PDB file of N, CA and C in Angstrom:
ATOM      1  N   MET A   1      -9.391  75.981 -78.486  1.00  0.00           N
ATOM      2  CA  MET A   1      -9.183  75.428 -77.191  1.00  0.00           C
ATOM      3  C   MET A   1      -7.695  75.138 -77.018  1.00  0.00           C
ATOM      4  N   ILE A   2      -7.159  75.476 -75.866  1.00  0.00           N
ATOM      5  CA  ILE A   2      -5.754  75.218 -75.554  1.00  0.00           C
ATOM      6  C   ILE A   2      -5.670  73.927 -74.748  1.00  0.00           C
ATOM      7  N   LYS A   3      -4.723  73.074 -75.131  1.00  0.00           N
ATOM      8  CA  LYS A   3      -4.526  71.790 -74.469  1.00  0.00           C
ATOM      9  C   LYS A   3      -3.047  71.609 -74.139  1.00  0.00           C
ATOM     10  N   VAL A   4      -2.767  70.686 -73.208  1.00  0.00           N
ATOM     11  CA  VAL A   4      -1.387  70.357 -72.844  1.00  0.00           C
ATOM     12  C   VAL A   4      -1.238  68.843 -72.865  1.00  0.00           C
ATOM     13  N   LYS A   5      -0.123  68.363 -73.408  1.00  0.00           N
ATOM     14  CA  LYS A   5       0.174  66.929 -73.473  1.00  0.00           C
ATOM     15  C   LYS A   5       1.605  66.728 -73.011  1.00  0.00           C
ATOM     16  N   THR A   6       1.840  65.683 -72.220  1.00  0.00           N
ATOM     17  CA  THR A   6       3.179  65.367 -71.739  1.00  0.00           C
ATOM     18  C   THR A   6       3.612  64.015 -72.296  1.00  0.00           C
ATOM     19  N   PHE A   7       4.855  63.949 -72.755  1.00  0.00           N
ATOM     20  CA  PHE A   7       5.460  62.731 -73.278  1.00  0.00           C
ATOM     21  C   PHE A   7       6.667  62.409 -72.404  1.00  0.00           C
ATOM     22  N   ALA A   8       7.018  61.139 -72.287  1.00  0.00           N
ATOM     23  CA  ALA A   8       8.209  60.745 -71.528  1.00  0.00           C
ATOM     24  C   ALA A   8       8.951  59.658 -72.289  1.00  0.00           C
ATOM     25  N   THR A   9      10.268  59.660 -72.144  1.00  0.00           N
ATOM     26  CA  THR A   9      11.087  58.638 -72.778  1.00  0.00           C
ATOM     27  C   THR A   9      12.283  58.333 -71.889  1.00  0.00           C
ATOM     28  N   PRO A  10      12.696  57.065 -71.820  1.00  0.00           N
ATOM     29  CA  PRO A  10      13.930  56.745 -71.097  1.00  0.00           C
ATOM     30  C   PRO A  10      15.133  57.145 -71.940  1.00  0.00           C
ATOM     31  N   ILE A  11      16.226  57.416 -71.297  1.00  0.00           N
ATOM     32  CA  ILE A  11      17.475  57.740 -71.991  1.00  0.00           C
ATOM     33  C   ILE A  11      18.491  56.660 -71.634  1.00  0.00           C
ATOM     34  N   LYS A  12      19.037  55.999 -72.650  1.00  0.00           N
ATOM     35  CA  LYS A  12      20.043  54.964 -72.439  1.00  0.00           C
ATOM     36  C   LYS A  12      21.364  55.446 -73.024  1.00  0.00           C
ATOM     37  N   ILE A  13      22.434  55.114 -72.367  1.00  0.00           N
ATOM     38  CA  ILE A  13      23.750  55.528 -72.827  1.00  0.00           C
ATOM     39  C   ILE A  13      23.974  55.047 -74.266  1.00  0.00           C
ATOM     40  N   PHE A  14      24.542  55.893 -75.083  1.00  0.00           N
ATOM     41  CA  PHE A  14      24.874  55.640 -76.489  1.00  0.00           C
ATOM     42  C   PHE A  14      23.661  55.521 -77.410  1.00  0.00           C
ATOM     43  N   ALA A  15      22.461  55.744 -76.911  1.00  0.00           N
ATOM     44  CA  ALA A  15      21.278  55.663 -77.761  1.00  0.00           C
ATOM     45  C   ALA A  15      20.490  56.967 -77.748  1.00  0.00           C
ATOM     46  N   THR A  16      21.057  58.006 -77.181  1.00  0.00           N
ATOM     47  CA  THR A  16      20.334  59.251 -76.949  1.00  0.00           C
ATOM     48  C   THR A  16      19.833  59.901 -78.230  1.00  0.00           C
ATOM     49  N   ILE A  17      20.640  59.968 -79.261  1.00  0.00           N
ATOM     50  CA  ILE A  17      20.227  60.618 -80.504  1.00  0.00           C
ATOM     51  C   ILE A  17      18.994  59.928 -81.077  1.00  0.00           C
ATOM     52  N   ARG A  18      19.012  58.606 -81.134  1.00  0.00           N
ATOM     53  CA  ARG A  18      17.865  57.854 -81.657  1.00  0.00           C
ATOM     54  C   ARG A  18      16.630  58.089 -80.792  1.00  0.00           C
ATOM     55  N   GLU A  19      16.787  58.070 -79.492  1.00  0.00           N
ATOM     56  CA  GLU A  19      15.654  58.271 -78.583  1.00  0.00           C
ATOM     57  C   GLU A  19      15.059  59.664 -78.734  1.00  0.00           C
ATOM     58  N   LEU A  20      15.901  60.673 -78.895  1.00  0.00           N
ATOM     59  CA  LEU A  20      15.400  62.035 -79.086  1.00  0.00           C
ATOM     60  C   LEU A  20      14.684  62.170 -80.428  1.00  0.00           C
ATOM     61  N   GLU A  21      15.206  61.532 -81.468  1.00  0.00           N
ATOM     62  CA  GLU A  21      14.528  61.556 -82.773  1.00  0.00           C
ATOM     63  C   GLU A  21      13.167  60.877 -82.681  1.00  0.00           C
ATOM     64  N   GLU A  22      13.087  59.765 -81.949  1.00  0.00           N
ATOM     65  CA  GLU A  22      11.813  59.072 -81.768  1.00  0.00           C
ATOM     66  C   GLU A  22      10.824  59.930 -80.978  1.00  0.00           C
ATOM     67  N   LEU A  23      11.312  60.633 -79.963  1.00  0.00           N
ATOM     68  CA  LEU A  23      10.453  61.522 -79.189  1.00  0.00           C
ATOM     69  C   LEU A  23       9.943  62.662 -80.067  1.00  0.00           C
ATOM     70  N   ASP A  24      10.814  63.276 -80.849  1.00  0.00           N
ATOM     71  CA  ASP A  24      10.408  64.337 -81.773  1.00  0.00           C
ATOM     72  C   ASP A  24       9.322  63.835 -82.727  1.00  0.00           C
ATOM     73  N   HIS A  25       9.533  62.641 -83.270  1.00  0.00           N
ATOM     74  CA  HIS A  25       8.568  62.062 -84.209  1.00  0.00           C
ATOM     75  C   HIS A  25       7.219  61.820 -83.521  1.00  0.00           C
ATOM     76  N   ALA A  26       7.252  61.294 -82.302  1.00  0.00           N
ATOM     77  CA  ALA A  26       6.005  61.035 -81.561  1.00  0.00           C
ATOM     78  C   ALA A  26       5.237  62.323 -81.305  1.00  0.00           C
ATOM     79  N   VAL A  27       5.949  63.386 -80.932  1.00  0.00           N
ATOM     80  CA  VAL A  27       5.305  64.671 -80.666  1.00  0.00           C
ATOM     81  C   VAL A  27       4.703  65.246 -81.952  1.00  0.00           C
ATOM     82  N   MET A  28       5.468  65.229 -83.036  1.00  0.00           N
ATOM     83  CA  MET A  28       4.977  65.775 -84.301  1.00  0.00           C
ATOM     84  C   MET A  28       3.766  64.985 -84.813  1.00  0.00           C
ATOM     85  N   THR A  29       3.810  63.662 -84.700  1.00  0.00           N
ATOM     86  CA  THR A  29       2.684  62.831 -85.119  1.00  0.00           C
ATOM     87  C   THR A  29       1.455  63.135 -84.279  1.00  0.00           C
ATOM     88  N   PHE A  30       1.642  63.263 -82.974  1.00  0.00           N
ATOM     89  CA  PHE A  30       0.529  63.578 -82.081  1.00  0.00           C
ATOM     90  C   PHE A  30      -0.107  64.913 -82.446  1.00  0.00           C
ATOM     91  N   LEU A  31       0.720  65.945 -82.651  1.00  0.00           N
ATOM     92  CA  LEU A  31       0.197  67.274 -82.976  1.00  0.00           C
ATOM     93  C   LEU A  31      -0.561  67.255 -84.301  1.00  0.00           C
ATOM     94  N   LYS A  32      -0.051  66.528 -85.272  1.00  0.00           N
ATOM     95  CA  LYS A  32      -0.732  66.421 -86.565  1.00  0.00           C
ATOM     96  C   LYS A  32      -2.071  65.715 -86.405  1.00  0.00           C
ATOM     97  N   ASP A  33      -2.073  64.586 -85.679  1.00  0.00           N
ATOM     98  CA  ASP A  33      -3.304  63.821 -85.461  1.00  0.00           C
ATOM     99  C   ASP A  33      -4.352  64.615 -84.680  1.00  0.00           C
ATOM    100  N   GLU A  34      -3.895  65.461 -83.758  1.00  0.00           N
ATOM    101  CA  GLU A  34      -4.803  66.287 -82.957  1.00  0.00           C
ATOM    102  C   GLU A  34      -5.337  67.487 -83.740  1.00  0.00           C
ATOM    103  N   GLY A  35      -4.698  67.811 -84.859  1.00  0.00           N
ATOM    104  CA  GLY A  35      -5.089  68.980 -85.634  1.00  0.00           C
ATOM    105  C   GLY A  35      -4.647  70.280 -84.985  1.00  0.00           C
ATOM    106  N   ALA A  36      -3.498  70.238 -84.334  1.00  0.00           N
ATOM    107  CA  ALA A  36      -2.977  71.429 -83.668  1.00  0.00           C
ATOM    108  C   ALA A  36      -2.731  72.538 -84.685  1.00  0.00           C
ATOM    109  N   THR A  37      -3.194  73.729 -84.361  1.00  0.00           N
ATOM    110  CA  THR A  37      -2.997  74.867 -85.256  1.00  0.00           C
ATOM    111  C   THR A  37      -1.821  75.732 -84.811  1.00  0.00           C
ATOM    112  N   THR A  38      -1.515  75.706 -83.526  1.00  0.00           N
ATOM    113  CA  THR A  38      -0.431  76.508 -82.975  1.00  0.00           C
ATOM    114  C   THR A  38       0.206  75.776 -81.809  1.00  0.00           C
ATOM    115  N   VAL A  39       1.537  75.776 -81.747  1.00  0.00           N
ATOM    116  CA  VAL A  39       2.243  75.297 -80.565  1.00  0.00           C
ATOM    117  C   VAL A  39       2.589  76.530 -79.750  1.00  0.00           C
ATOM    118  N   LEU A  40       2.059  76.595 -78.532  1.00  0.00           N
ATOM    119  CA  LEU A  40       2.250  77.765 -77.683  1.00  0.00           C
ATOM    120  C   LEU A  40       3.510  77.660 -76.838  1.00  0.00           C
ATOM    121  N   ALA A  41       3.857  76.453 -76.410  1.00  0.00           N
ATOM    122  CA  ALA A  41       5.047  76.256 -75.580  1.00  0.00           C
ATOM    123  C   ALA A  41       5.485  74.805 -75.675  1.00  0.00           C
ATOM    124  N   LEU A  42       6.780  74.594 -75.547  1.00  0.00           N
ATOM    125  CA  LEU A  42       7.353  73.261 -75.514  1.00  0.00           C
ATOM    126  C   LEU A  42       8.447  73.284 -74.466  1.00  0.00           C
ATOM    127  N   SER A  43       8.436  72.309 -73.569  1.00  0.00           N
ATOM    128  CA  SER A  43       9.400  72.304 -72.473  1.00  0.00           C
ATOM    129  C   SER A  43       9.939  70.903 -72.261  1.00  0.00           C
ATOM    130  N   ASP A  44      11.252  70.776 -72.118  1.00  0.00           N
ATOM    131  CA  ASP A  44      11.891  69.502 -71.801  1.00  0.00           C
ATOM    132  C   ASP A  44      12.474  69.569 -70.396  1.00  0.00           C
ATOM    133  N   ALA A  45      12.351  68.472 -69.670  1.00  0.00           N
ATOM    134  CA  ALA A  45      12.953  68.362 -68.340  1.00  0.00           C
ATOM    135  C   ALA A  45      13.574  66.982 -68.217  1.00  0.00           C
ATOM    136  N   ALA A  46      14.789  66.933 -67.705  1.00  0.00           N
ATOM    137  CA  ALA A  46      15.470  65.656 -67.517  1.00  0.00           C
ATOM    138  C   ALA A  46      15.053  65.041 -66.192  1.00  0.00           C
ATOM    139  N   THR A  47      14.925  63.716 -66.187  1.00  0.00           N
ATOM    140  CA  THR A  47      14.732  62.990 -64.939  1.00  0.00           C
ATOM    141  C   THR A  47      16.057  62.333 -64.596  1.00  0.00           C
ATOM    142  N   THR A  48      16.344  62.234 -63.311  1.00  0.00           N
ATOM    143  CA  THR A  48      17.652  61.741 -62.891  1.00  0.00           C
ATOM    144  C   THR A  48      17.525  60.517 -61.988  1.00  0.00           C
ATOM    145  N   GLY A  49      18.596  59.741 -61.966  1.00  0.00           N
ATOM    146  CA  GLY A  49      18.676  58.557 -61.112  1.00  0.00           C
ATOM    147  C   GLY A  49      19.239  58.908 -59.753  1.00  0.00           C
ATOM    148  N   GLU A  50      19.489  57.901 -58.969  1.00  0.00           N
ATOM    149  CA  GLU A  50      19.983  58.082 -57.598  1.00  0.00           C
ATOM    150  C   GLU A  50      21.327  58.789 -57.523  1.00  0.00           C
ATOM    151  N   ASN A  51      22.143  58.646 -58.557  1.00  0.00           N
ATOM    152  CA  ASN A  51      23.476  59.253 -58.551  1.00  0.00           C
ATOM    153  C   ASN A  51      23.553  60.532 -59.369  1.00  0.00           C
ATOM    154  N   GLY A  52      22.396  61.069 -59.753  1.00  0.00           N
ATOM    155  CA  GLY A  52      22.367  62.323 -60.495  1.00  0.00           C
ATOM    156  C   GLY A  52      22.473  62.162 -62.001  1.00  0.00           C
ATOM    157  N   GLU A  53      22.544  60.926 -62.481  1.00  0.00           N
ATOM    158  CA  GLU A  53      22.662  60.699 -63.918  1.00  0.00           C
ATOM    159  C   GLU A  53      21.300  60.880 -64.591  1.00  0.00           C
ATOM    160  N   THR A  54      21.322  61.360 -65.819  1.00  0.00           N
ATOM    161  CA  THR A  54      20.086  61.530 -66.572  1.00  0.00           C
ATOM    162  C   THR A  54      19.592  60.166 -67.020  1.00  0.00           C
ATOM    163  N   ILE A  55      18.330  59.847 -66.686  1.00  0.00           N
ATOM    164  CA  ILE A  55      17.783  58.545 -67.049  1.00  0.00           C
ATOM    165  C   ILE A  55      16.532  58.663 -67.911  1.00  0.00           C
ATOM    166  N   GLY A  56      16.045  59.879 -68.100  1.00  0.00           N
ATOM    167  CA  GLY A  56      14.840  60.042 -68.911  1.00  0.00           C
ATOM    168  C   GLY A  56      14.597  61.489 -69.253  1.00  0.00           C
ATOM    169  N   LEU A  57      13.605  61.699 -70.078  1.00  0.00           N
ATOM    170  CA  LEU A  57      13.249  63.043 -70.514  1.00  0.00           C
ATOM    171  C   LEU A  57      11.731  63.152 -70.538  1.00  0.00           C
ATOM    172  N   THR A  58      11.230  64.249 -70.013  1.00  0.00           N
ATOM    173  CA  THR A  58       9.809  64.541 -70.055  1.00  0.00           C
ATOM    174  C   THR A  58       9.621  65.781 -70.913  1.00  0.00           C
ATOM    175  N   ARG A  59       8.753  65.698 -71.902  1.00  0.00           N
ATOM    176  CA  ARG A  59       8.479  66.832 -72.784  1.00  0.00           C
ATOM    177  C   ARG A  59       7.008  67.186 -72.670  1.00  0.00           C
ATOM    178  N   SER A  60       6.736  68.445 -72.367  1.00  0.00           N
ATOM    179  CA  SER A  60       5.363  68.943 -72.304  1.00  0.00           C
ATOM    180  C   SER A  60       5.148  69.919 -73.442  1.00  0.00           C
ATOM    181  N   VAL A  61       3.976  69.815 -74.069  1.00  0.00           N
ATOM    182  CA  VAL A  61       3.635  70.673 -75.202  1.00  0.00           C
ATOM    183  C   VAL A  61       2.286  71.311 -74.933  1.00  0.00           C
ATOM    184  N   ALA A  62       2.234  72.629 -75.001  1.00  0.00           N
ATOM    185  CA  ALA A  62       0.964  73.361 -74.948  1.00  0.00           C
ATOM    186  C   ALA A  62       0.631  73.757 -76.376  1.00  0.00           C
ATOM    187  N   TYR A  63      -0.581  73.398 -76.803  1.00  0.00           N
ATOM    188  CA  TYR A  63      -0.943  73.639 -78.199  1.00  0.00           C
ATOM    189  C   TYR A  63      -2.395  74.052 -78.306  1.00  0.00           C
ATOM    190  N   GLU A  64      -2.744  74.600 -79.450  1.00  0.00           N
ATOM    191  CA  GLU A  64      -4.112  75.080 -79.681  1.00  0.00           C
ATOM    192  C   GLU A  64      -4.737  74.311 -80.827  1.00  0.00           C
ATOM    193  N   VAL A  65      -6.002  73.978 -80.664  1.00  0.00           N
ATOM    194  CA  VAL A  65      -6.786  73.348 -81.730  1.00  0.00           C
ATOM    195  C   VAL A  65      -8.027  74.192 -81.962  1.00  0.00           C
ATOM    196  N   GLN A  66      -8.545  74.138 -83.159  1.00  0.00           N
ATOM    197  CA  GLN A  66      -9.758  74.906 -83.485  1.00  0.00           C
ATOM    198  C   GLN A  66     -10.993  74.093 -83.268  1.00  0.00           C
TER     199      GLN A  66
END
């Protein structure tokens, strides 16, 4: 069965590396817990504030489980 999951995280100035590492960890933990056998697609999209600044990140993962 193919499934899709979306994750979101805020982005704060000077903390981006830590936030991205935490997002990566959350996604990997989720896929392991779900028993994902294949990752079919992974997509990141930035969310922006009123002045065009990046304020968050949305990551969608399409994966397969048996």
